[in-house]
């Protein structure tokens, strides 16, 4: 699936504005279901979850901060 620069930019904005807060609330709610672990383990889990959300979206976010390559 090849997305244009403009559609990748819009999709990345949607992911950051809507998806990331939903993911954060879901992650916190999931961790809250268990007894509170040690602070180091809890920080590690939050760090791991913070990195994992971005992995599927690498292609979408790649080059978004650059100038539009399609514009000549």
Protein backbone atom coordinates (compact mmCIF):
# COMPACT_ATOMS: atom_id res chain seq x y z
CA UNK A 1 0.00 0.00 0.00
CA UNK A 2 1.63 3.21 -1.15
CA UNK A 3 0.37 6.37 0.51
CA UNK A 4 1.03 9.85 -0.74
CA UNK A 5 2.91 12.32 1.43
CA UNK A 6 -0.28 14.26 2.14
CA UNK A 7 -2.23 11.19 3.23
CA UNK A 8 0.67 9.96 5.40
CA UNK A 9 0.80 13.38 7.03
CA UNK A 10 -2.93 13.36 7.78
CA UNK A 11 -2.82 9.78 9.02
CA UNK A 12 0.14 10.53 11.30
CA UNK A 13 -1.73 13.50 12.77
CA UNK A 14 -4.77 11.30 13.42
CA UNK A 15 -2.60 8.65 15.06
CA UNK A 16 -0.89 11.20 17.31
CA UNK A 17 -4.02 13.16 18.28
CA UNK A 18 -6.50 10.30 18.68
CA UNK A 19 -4.64 7.00 18.73
CA UNK A 20 -1.83 7.81 21.12
CA UNK A 21 -4.06 9.08 23.97
CA UNK A 22 -6.35 6.05 23.55
CA UNK A 23 -3.32 3.76 23.66
CA UNK A 24 -1.97 5.52 26.76
CA UNK A 25 -5.27 5.18 28.63
CA UNK A 26 -5.56 1.53 27.59
CA UNK A 27 -1.98 0.84 28.73
CA UNK A 28 -2.53 2.49 32.11
CA UNK A 29 -5.82 0.67 32.57
CA UNK A 30 -4.18 -2.64 31.73
CA UNK A 31 -1.37 -2.11 34.24
CA UNK A 32 -3.87 -0.99 36.90
CA UNK A 33 -5.60 -4.39 36.73
CA UNK A 34 -2.63 -5.97 38.51
CA UNK A 35 -1.13 -5.32 41.91
CA UNK A 36 1.34 -2.46 41.68
CA UNK A 37 4.79 -3.87 40.87
CA UNK A 38 8.07 -2.34 41.94
CA UNK A 39 8.76 1.10 40.51
CA UNK A 40 11.58 -0.17 38.28
CA UNK A 41 9.44 -2.90 36.78
CA UNK A 42 6.59 -0.45 36.26
CA UNK A 43 8.92 2.03 34.52
CA UNK A 44 10.27 -0.75 32.32
CA UNK A 45 6.75 -1.84 31.31
CA UNK A 46 5.72 1.74 30.49
CA UNK A 47 8.94 2.25 28.53
CA UNK A 48 8.35 -0.96 26.59
CA UNK A 49 4.74 -0.02 25.85
CA UNK A 50 5.86 3.47 24.86
CA UNK A 51 8.21 2.06 22.24
CA UNK A 52 5.91 -0.70 20.98
CA UNK A 53 3.12 1.62 19.87
CA UNK A 54 5.35 3.31 17.29
CA UNK A 55 6.78 0.21 15.62
CA UNK A 56 3.80 -0.54 13.35
CA UNK A 57 3.69 3.12 12.23
CA UNK A 58 7.34 3.57 11.22
CA UNK A 59 6.51 3.87 7.53
CA UNK A 60 3.78 6.44 8.14
CA UNK A 61 5.95 8.69 10.31
CA UNK A 62 9.08 8.40 8.15
CA UNK A 63 9.89 11.74 6.50
CA UNK A 64 6.81 13.60 7.75
CA UNK A 65 8.91 16.47 9.12
CA UNK A 66 10.62 17.01 5.76
CA UNK A 67 9.39 19.09 2.83
CA UNK A 68 6.86 17.49 0.49
CA UNK A 69 8.90 15.35 -1.94
CA UNK A 70 6.05 15.32 -4.48
CA UNK A 71 6.01 19.11 -4.75
CA UNK A 72 8.30 20.39 -7.48
